[in-house]
Amino acid sequence: MRLLFSALLAVFITAPLLAQPLNGFSFSHKDWEVSCDNTGTCRAAGYGVNSGEVGFLLTRQAGLQQHVNTVATFAQIENSIPDNASVSLFIADQNWGALKAQDKEHFRLDGNQIIALIQALTHDMKIEIALNGQRKTLSSADANATFLKIDESQQRTGTKDVQLLQTHPATRKAKERSSVKVVASLTA
């Protein structure tokens, strides 16, 4: 019995030492780039269709069920952004609401806006951010390749946490609601 206990203890102690270490890397393609550090945190940056107009930064920490944080910014504008500026997200010409100012230059997306943004990026939909009604278009050119590189770097390939979209808590709730609708329609 003592031998079995010692063997199990040895397995549990050495197992973390056998895990593949995370390596930092950078990747860019078309209008998107990603950088992951050796802690497993990855940051993806997407830029406007017209160079220098708008940018989005999506950040996901390493670990299971980590949600995505997203910030938008206007890169080149003639005047500084006023304190009372109105900044909104539009996807396929549908208004997804106002973004919350993080500071004078950065605007944070909420959970539902992040889900909509990622779905729009992976389905090549029109994405715009409006500053006081003036819209700037975000490029989705090769966002999917960026998301795949993040999943590979964070060793999520082949796991239930593989898609960037699945890591936000609101996404799981939305999927649960949609699967309930599908089940209900199949049984009706």
C-alpha atoms as a PDB file:
ATOM      1  CA  MET A   1       0.000   0.000   0.000  1.00  0.00           C
ATOM      2  CA  ARG A   2       2.832   2.322   0.883  1.00  0.00           C
ATOM      3  CA  LEU A   3       4.494   1.581  -2.473  1.00  0.00           C
ATOM      4  CA  LEU A   4       1.288   2.462  -4.359  1.00  0.00           C
ATOM      5  CA  PHE A   5       0.961   5.717  -2.405  1.00  0.00           C
ATOM      6  CA  SER A   6       4.602   6.613  -3.144  1.00  0.00           C
ATOM      7  CA  ALA A   7       4.162   5.881  -6.847  1.00  0.00           C
ATOM      8  CA  LEU A   8       1.030   8.050  -7.072  1.00  0.00           C
ATOM      9  CA  LEU A   9       2.719  10.848  -5.164  1.00  0.00           C
ATOM     10  CA  ALA A  10       5.686  10.731  -7.544  1.00  0.00           C
ATOM     11  CA  VAL A  11       3.346  10.968 -10.567  1.00  0.00           C
ATOM     12  CA  PHE A  12       1.526  14.002  -9.158  1.00  0.00           C
ATOM     13  CA  ILE A  13       4.750  15.781  -8.255  1.00  0.00           C
ATOM     14  CA  THR A  14       6.505  15.206 -11.605  1.00  0.00           C
ATOM     15  CA  ALA A  15       3.508  15.684 -13.949  1.00  0.00           C
ATOM     16  CA  PRO A  16       3.743  19.497 -13.985  1.00  0.00           C
ATOM     17  CA  LEU A  17       7.425  19.221 -14.845  1.00  0.00           C
ATOM     18  CA  LEU A  18       6.541  17.263 -17.998  1.00  0.00           C
ATOM     19  CA  ALA A  19       4.088  19.881 -19.322  1.00  0.00           C
ATOM     20  CA  GLN A  20       5.258  21.668 -22.437  1.00  0.00           C
ATOM     21  CA  PRO A  21       6.443  25.199 -21.586  1.00  0.00           C
ATOM     22  CA  LEU A  22       4.825  28.184 -23.283  1.00  0.00           C
ATOM     23  CA  ASN A  23       7.044  30.156 -25.625  1.00  0.00           C
ATOM     24  CA  GLY A  24       6.466  33.739 -26.621  1.00  0.00           C
ATOM     25  CA  PHE A  25       6.052  34.609 -30.298  1.00  0.00           C
ATOM     26  CA  SER A  26       4.709  37.208 -32.704  1.00  0.00           C
ATOM     27  CA  PHE A  27       2.737  36.729 -35.916  1.00  0.00           C
ATOM     28  CA  SER A  28       1.230  39.172 -38.371  1.00  0.00           C
ATOM     29  CA  HIS A  29      -0.780  38.760 -41.529  1.00  0.00           C
ATOM     30  CA  LYS A  30      -2.694  41.350 -43.523  1.00  0.00           C
ATOM     31  CA  ASP A  31      -4.432  43.731 -41.081  1.00  0.00           C
ATOM     32  CA  TRP A  32      -3.995  41.630 -37.917  1.00  0.00           C
ATOM     33  CA  GLU A  33      -1.083  40.758 -35.676  1.00  0.00           C
ATOM     34  CA  VAL A  34      -0.694  38.743 -32.512  1.00  0.00           C
ATOM     35  CA  SER A  35       1.912  38.646 -29.792  1.00  0.00           C
ATOM     36  CA  CYS A  36       1.972  36.034 -27.036  1.00  0.00           C
ATOM     37  CA  ASP A  37       4.388  36.151 -24.122  1.00  0.00           C
ATOM     38  CA  ASN A  38       5.953  33.284 -22.171  1.00  0.00           C
ATOM     39  CA  THR A  39       3.200  33.496 -19.516  1.00  0.00           C
ATOM     40  CA  GLY A  40       0.657  32.540 -22.192  1.00  0.00           C
ATOM     41  CA  THR A  41      -1.047  35.920 -22.410  1.00  0.00           C
ATOM     42  CA  CYS A  42      -1.891  36.775 -26.015  1.00  0.00           C
ATOM     43  CA  ARG A  43      -2.778  40.119 -27.532  1.00  0.00           C
ATOM     44  CA  ALA A  44      -4.278  40.431 -31.002  1.00  0.00           C
ATOM     45  CA  ALA A  45      -4.400  43.797 -32.746  1.00  0.00           C
ATOM     46  CA  GLY A  46      -6.590  44.537 -35.729  1.00  0.00           C
ATOM     47  CA  TYR A  47      -6.495  47.696 -37.766  1.00  0.00           C
ATOM     48  CA  GLY A  48      -8.793  49.739 -39.955  1.00  0.00           C
ATOM     49  CA  VAL A  49      -9.437  49.160 -43.622  1.00  0.00           C
ATOM     50  CA  ASN A  50      -7.862  52.578 -44.151  1.00  0.00           C
ATOM     51  CA  SER A  51      -4.456  52.519 -42.518  1.00  0.00           C
ATOM     52  CA  GLY A  52      -4.142  54.428 -39.274  1.00  0.00           C
ATOM     53  CA  GLU A  53      -7.815  55.160 -38.582  1.00  0.00           C
ATOM     54  CA  VAL A  54      -8.941  52.689 -35.948  1.00  0.00           C
ATOM     55  CA  GLY A  55      -7.546  49.782 -33.963  1.00  0.00           C
ATOM     56  CA  PHE A  56      -8.851  47.029 -31.701  1.00  0.00           C
ATOM     57  CA  LEU A  57      -6.803  45.164 -29.103  1.00  0.00           C
ATOM     58  CA  LEU A  58      -8.114  41.786 -27.902  1.00  0.00           C
ATOM     59  CA  THR A  59      -6.325  40.285 -24.886  1.00  0.00           C
ATOM     60  CA  ARG A  60      -6.747  36.795 -23.459  1.00  0.00           C
ATOM     61  CA  GLN A  61      -4.819  35.541 -20.436  1.00  0.00           C
ATOM     62  CA  ALA A  62      -3.550  31.962 -20.271  1.00  0.00           C
ATOM     63  CA  GLY A  63      -5.589  29.343 -18.471  1.00  0.00           C
ATOM     64  CA  LEU A  64      -8.936  27.672 -18.821  1.00  0.00           C
ATOM     65  CA  GLN A  65     -12.084  29.712 -19.369  1.00  0.00           C
ATOM     66  CA  GLN A  66     -10.323  33.063 -19.546  1.00  0.00           C
ATOM     67  CA  HIS A  67     -12.463  35.763 -21.115  1.00  0.00           C
ATOM     68  CA  VAL A  68     -11.350  38.207 -23.766  1.00  0.00           C
ATOM     69  CA  ASN A  69     -10.885  41.893 -22.981  1.00  0.00           C
ATOM     70  CA  THR A  70     -11.227  44.267 -25.910  1.00  0.00           C
ATOM     71  CA  VAL A  71     -10.312  47.925 -26.295  1.00  0.00           C
ATOM     72  CA  ALA A  72     -10.817  50.176 -29.331  1.00  0.00           C
ATOM     73  CA  THR A  73      -8.904  53.304 -30.202  1.00  0.00           C
ATOM     74  CA  PHE A  74      -8.762  55.895 -32.954  1.00  0.00           C
ATOM     75  CA  ALA A  75      -5.245  56.079 -34.300  1.00  0.00           C
ATOM     76  CA  GLN A  76      -5.088  59.218 -36.390  1.00  0.00           C
ATOM     77  CA  ILE A  77      -7.546  62.003 -35.769  1.00  0.00           C
ATOM     78  CA  GLU A  78      -7.042  65.717 -36.339  1.00  0.00           C
ATOM     79  CA  ASN A  79      -8.178  66.871 -32.893  1.00  0.00           C
ATOM     80  CA  SER A  80      -8.082  65.191 -29.514  1.00  0.00           C
ATOM     81  CA  ILE A  81     -11.176  63.218 -28.558  1.00  0.00           C
ATOM     82  CA  PRO A  82     -13.528  65.387 -26.465  1.00  0.00           C
ATOM     83  CA  ASP A  83     -14.471  64.258 -22.947  1.00  0.00           C
ATOM     84  CA  ASN A  84     -18.140  63.899 -23.918  1.00  0.00           C
ATOM     85  CA  ALA A  85     -17.450  61.921 -27.104  1.00  0.00           C
ATOM     86  CA  SER A  86     -19.940  59.315 -28.236  1.00  0.00           C
ATOM     87  CA  VAL A  87     -18.269  56.087 -29.364  1.00  0.00           C
ATOM     88  CA  SER A  88     -20.378  53.169 -30.658  1.00  0.00           C
ATOM     89  CA  LEU A  89     -19.845  49.767 -32.262  1.00  0.00           C
ATOM     90  CA  PHE A  90     -21.687  48.908 -35.491  1.00  0.00           C
ATOM     91  CA  ILE A  91     -21.753  45.414 -36.974  1.00  0.00           C
ATOM     92  CA  ALA A  92     -23.455  44.922 -40.334  1.00  0.00           C
ATOM     93  CA  ASP A  93     -24.949  48.405 -39.839  1.00  0.00           C
ATOM     94  CA  GLN A  94     -26.572  47.346 -36.548  1.00  0.00           C
ATOM     95  CA  ASN A  95     -25.737  49.515 -33.538  1.00  0.00           C
ATOM     96  CA  TRP A  96     -24.302  47.381 -30.708  1.00  0.00           C
ATOM     97  CA  GLY A  97     -24.252  50.284 -28.306  1.00  0.00           C
ATOM     98  CA  ALA A  98     -21.861  52.727 -26.753  1.00  0.00           C
ATOM     99  CA  LEU A  99     -18.350  51.777 -25.713  1.00  0.00           C
ATOM    100  CA  LYS A 100     -17.186  52.727 -22.242  1.00  0.00           C
ATOM    101  CA  ALA A 101     -14.331  55.229 -22.089  1.00  0.00           C
ATOM    102  CA  GLN A 102     -11.283  53.757 -20.390  1.00  0.00           C
ATOM    103  CA  ASP A 103      -9.421  57.034 -20.833  1.00  0.00           C
ATOM    104  CA  LYS A 104      -9.442  59.795 -23.464  1.00  0.00           C
ATOM    105  CA  GLU A 105      -8.108  57.512 -26.205  1.00  0.00           C
ATOM    106  CA  HIS A 106      -9.257  53.957 -25.344  1.00  0.00           C
ATOM    107  CA  PHE A 107     -12.781  52.575 -25.268  1.00  0.00           C
ATOM    108  CA  ARG A 108     -13.702  49.235 -23.692  1.00  0.00           C
ATOM    109  CA  LEU A 109     -16.228  46.807 -25.181  1.00  0.00           C
ATOM    110  CA  ASP A 110     -18.657  44.944 -22.912  1.00  0.00           C
ATOM    111  CA  GLY A 111     -19.213  41.168 -23.012  1.00  0.00           C
ATOM    112  CA  ASN A 112     -22.005  41.202 -25.597  1.00  0.00           C
ATOM    113  CA  GLN A 113     -20.077  43.584 -27.843  1.00  0.00           C
ATOM    114  CA  ILE A 114     -16.997  41.333 -27.648  1.00  0.00           C
ATOM    115  CA  ILE A 115     -19.033  38.275 -28.624  1.00  0.00           C
ATOM    116  CA  ALA A 116     -20.604  40.141 -31.543  1.00  0.00           C
ATOM    117  CA  LEU A 117     -17.199  41.482 -32.620  1.00  0.00           C
ATOM    118  CA  ILE A 118     -15.537  38.059 -32.628  1.00  0.00           C
ATOM    119  CA  GLN A 119     -18.466  36.470 -34.470  1.00  0.00           C
ATOM    120  CA  ALA A 120     -18.365  39.280 -37.037  1.00  0.00           C
ATOM    121  CA  LEU A 121     -14.602  38.886 -37.468  1.00  0.00           C
ATOM    122  CA  THR A 122     -14.851  35.129 -37.985  1.00  0.00           C
ATOM    123  CA  HIS A 123     -17.727  35.578 -40.470  1.00  0.00           C
ATOM    124  CA  ASP A 124     -16.124  38.469 -42.381  1.00  0.00           C
ATOM    125  CA  MET A 125     -18.881  40.957 -41.581  1.00  0.00           C
ATOM    126  CA  LYS A 126     -18.684  44.745 -41.772  1.00  0.00           C
ATOM    127  CA  ILE A 127     -17.432  46.183 -38.454  1.00  0.00           C
ATOM    128  CA  GLU A 128     -17.343  49.890 -37.714  1.00  0.00           C
ATOM    129  CA  ILE A 129     -16.606  52.084 -34.753  1.00  0.00           C
ATOM    130  CA  ALA A 130     -18.208  55.520 -34.696  1.00  0.00           C
ATOM    131  CA  LEU A 131     -16.807  58.611 -33.028  1.00  0.00           C
ATOM    132  CA  ASN A 132     -19.550  61.217 -32.719  1.00  0.00           C
ATOM    133  CA  GLY A 133     -21.335  59.604 -35.669  1.00  0.00           C
ATOM    134  CA  GLN A 134     -18.305  59.379 -37.968  1.00  0.00           C
ATOM    135  CA  ARG A 135     -17.702  55.698 -38.743  1.00  0.00           C
ATOM    136  CA  LYS A 136     -14.362  53.998 -39.327  1.00  0.00           C
ATOM    137  CA  THR A 137     -14.198  50.416 -40.641  1.00  0.00           C
ATOM    138  CA  LEU A 138     -12.189  47.625 -38.993  1.00  0.00           C
ATOM    139  CA  SER A 139     -10.574  45.068 -41.300  1.00  0.00           C
ATOM    140  CA  SER A 140     -11.355  41.418 -40.688  1.00  0.00           C
ATOM    141  CA  ALA A 141      -8.711  40.276 -43.197  1.00  0.00           C
ATOM    142  CA  ASP A 142      -7.192  37.119 -41.677  1.00  0.00           C
ATOM    143  CA  ALA A 143      -8.516  37.601 -38.151  1.00  0.00           C
ATOM    144  CA  ASN A 144      -9.214  33.837 -38.191  1.00  0.00           C
ATOM    145  CA  ALA A 145      -5.510  33.078 -38.699  1.00  0.00           C
ATOM    146  CA  THR A 146      -4.721  35.312 -35.729  1.00  0.00           C
ATOM    147  CA  PHE A 147      -7.238  33.509 -33.523  1.00  0.00           C
ATOM    148  CA  LEU A 148      -5.822  30.135 -34.588  1.00  0.00           C
ATOM    149  CA  LYS A 149      -2.302  31.250 -33.636  1.00  0.00           C
ATOM    150  CA  ILE A 150      -3.567  32.331 -30.213  1.00  0.00           C
ATOM    151  CA  ASP A 151      -5.213  28.939 -29.662  1.00  0.00           C
ATOM    152  CA  GLU A 152      -2.020  27.160 -30.738  1.00  0.00           C
ATOM    153  CA  SER A 153       0.177  29.300 -28.502  1.00  0.00           C
ATOM    154  CA  GLN A 154      -2.088  28.803 -25.492  1.00  0.00           C
ATOM    155  CA  GLN A 155      -2.148  25.043 -26.205  1.00  0.00           C
ATOM    156  CA  ARG A 156      -5.940  25.009 -26.658  1.00  0.00           C
ATOM    157  CA  THR A 157      -5.984  23.132 -29.963  1.00  0.00           C
ATOM    158  CA  GLY A 158      -8.046  19.971 -29.547  1.00  0.00           C
ATOM    159  CA  THR A 159      -9.655  21.165 -26.287  1.00  0.00           C
ATOM    160  CA  LYS A 160     -13.145  22.428 -25.526  1.00  0.00           C
ATOM    161  CA  ASP A 161     -11.615  25.886 -24.975  1.00  0.00           C
ATOM    162  CA  VAL A 162     -10.104  26.003 -28.474  1.00  0.00           C
ATOM    163  CA  GLN A 163     -12.021  28.889 -30.016  1.00  0.00           C
ATOM    164  CA  LEU A 164     -11.353  32.391 -28.823  1.00  0.00           C
ATOM    165  CA  LEU A 165     -15.105  32.923 -28.884  1.00  0.00           C
ATOM    166  CA  GLN A 166     -15.783  30.162 -26.338  1.00  0.00           C
ATOM    167  CA  THR A 167     -13.713  31.745 -23.595  1.00  0.00           C
ATOM    168  CA  HIS A 168     -16.098  34.546 -22.633  1.00  0.00           C
ATOM    169  CA  PRO A 169     -18.707  33.620 -19.977  1.00  0.00           C
ATOM    170  CA  ALA A 170     -21.497  35.369 -21.879  1.00  0.00           C
ATOM    171  CA  THR A 171     -20.708  33.232 -24.928  1.00  0.00           C
ATOM    172  CA  ARG A 172     -21.355  30.033 -23.000  1.00  0.00           C
ATOM    173  CA  LYS A 173     -24.710  31.425 -21.832  1.00  0.00           C
ATOM    174  CA  ALA A 174     -25.624  32.424 -25.394  1.00  0.00           C
ATOM    175  CA  LYS A 175     -24.665  28.956 -26.642  1.00  0.00           C
ATOM    176  CA  GLU A 176     -26.751  27.342 -23.903  1.00  0.00           C
ATOM    177  CA  ARG A 177     -29.747  29.475 -24.914  1.00  0.00           C
ATOM    178  CA  SER A 178     -29.274  28.684 -28.615  1.00  0.00           C
ATOM    179  CA  SER A 179     -28.902  24.948 -27.957  1.00  0.00           C
ATOM    180  CA  VAL A 180     -32.100  25.002 -25.881  1.00  0.00           C
ATOM    181  CA  LYS A 181     -33.927  26.620 -28.833  1.00  0.00           C
ATOM    182  CA  VAL A 182     -32.572  23.975 -31.206  1.00  0.00           C
ATOM    183  CA  VAL A 183     -33.618  21.132 -28.878  1.00  0.00           C
ATOM    184  CA  ALA A 184     -37.043  22.694 -28.376  1.00  0.00           C
ATOM    185  CA  SER A 185     -37.600  23.030 -32.122  1.00  0.00           C
ATOM    186  CA  LEU A 186     -36.523  19.424 -32.733  1.00  0.00           C
ATOM    187  CA  THR A 187     -38.894  18.040 -30.111  1.00  0.00           C
ATOM    188  CA  ALA A 188     -41.884  20.215 -31.033  1.00  0.00           C
END
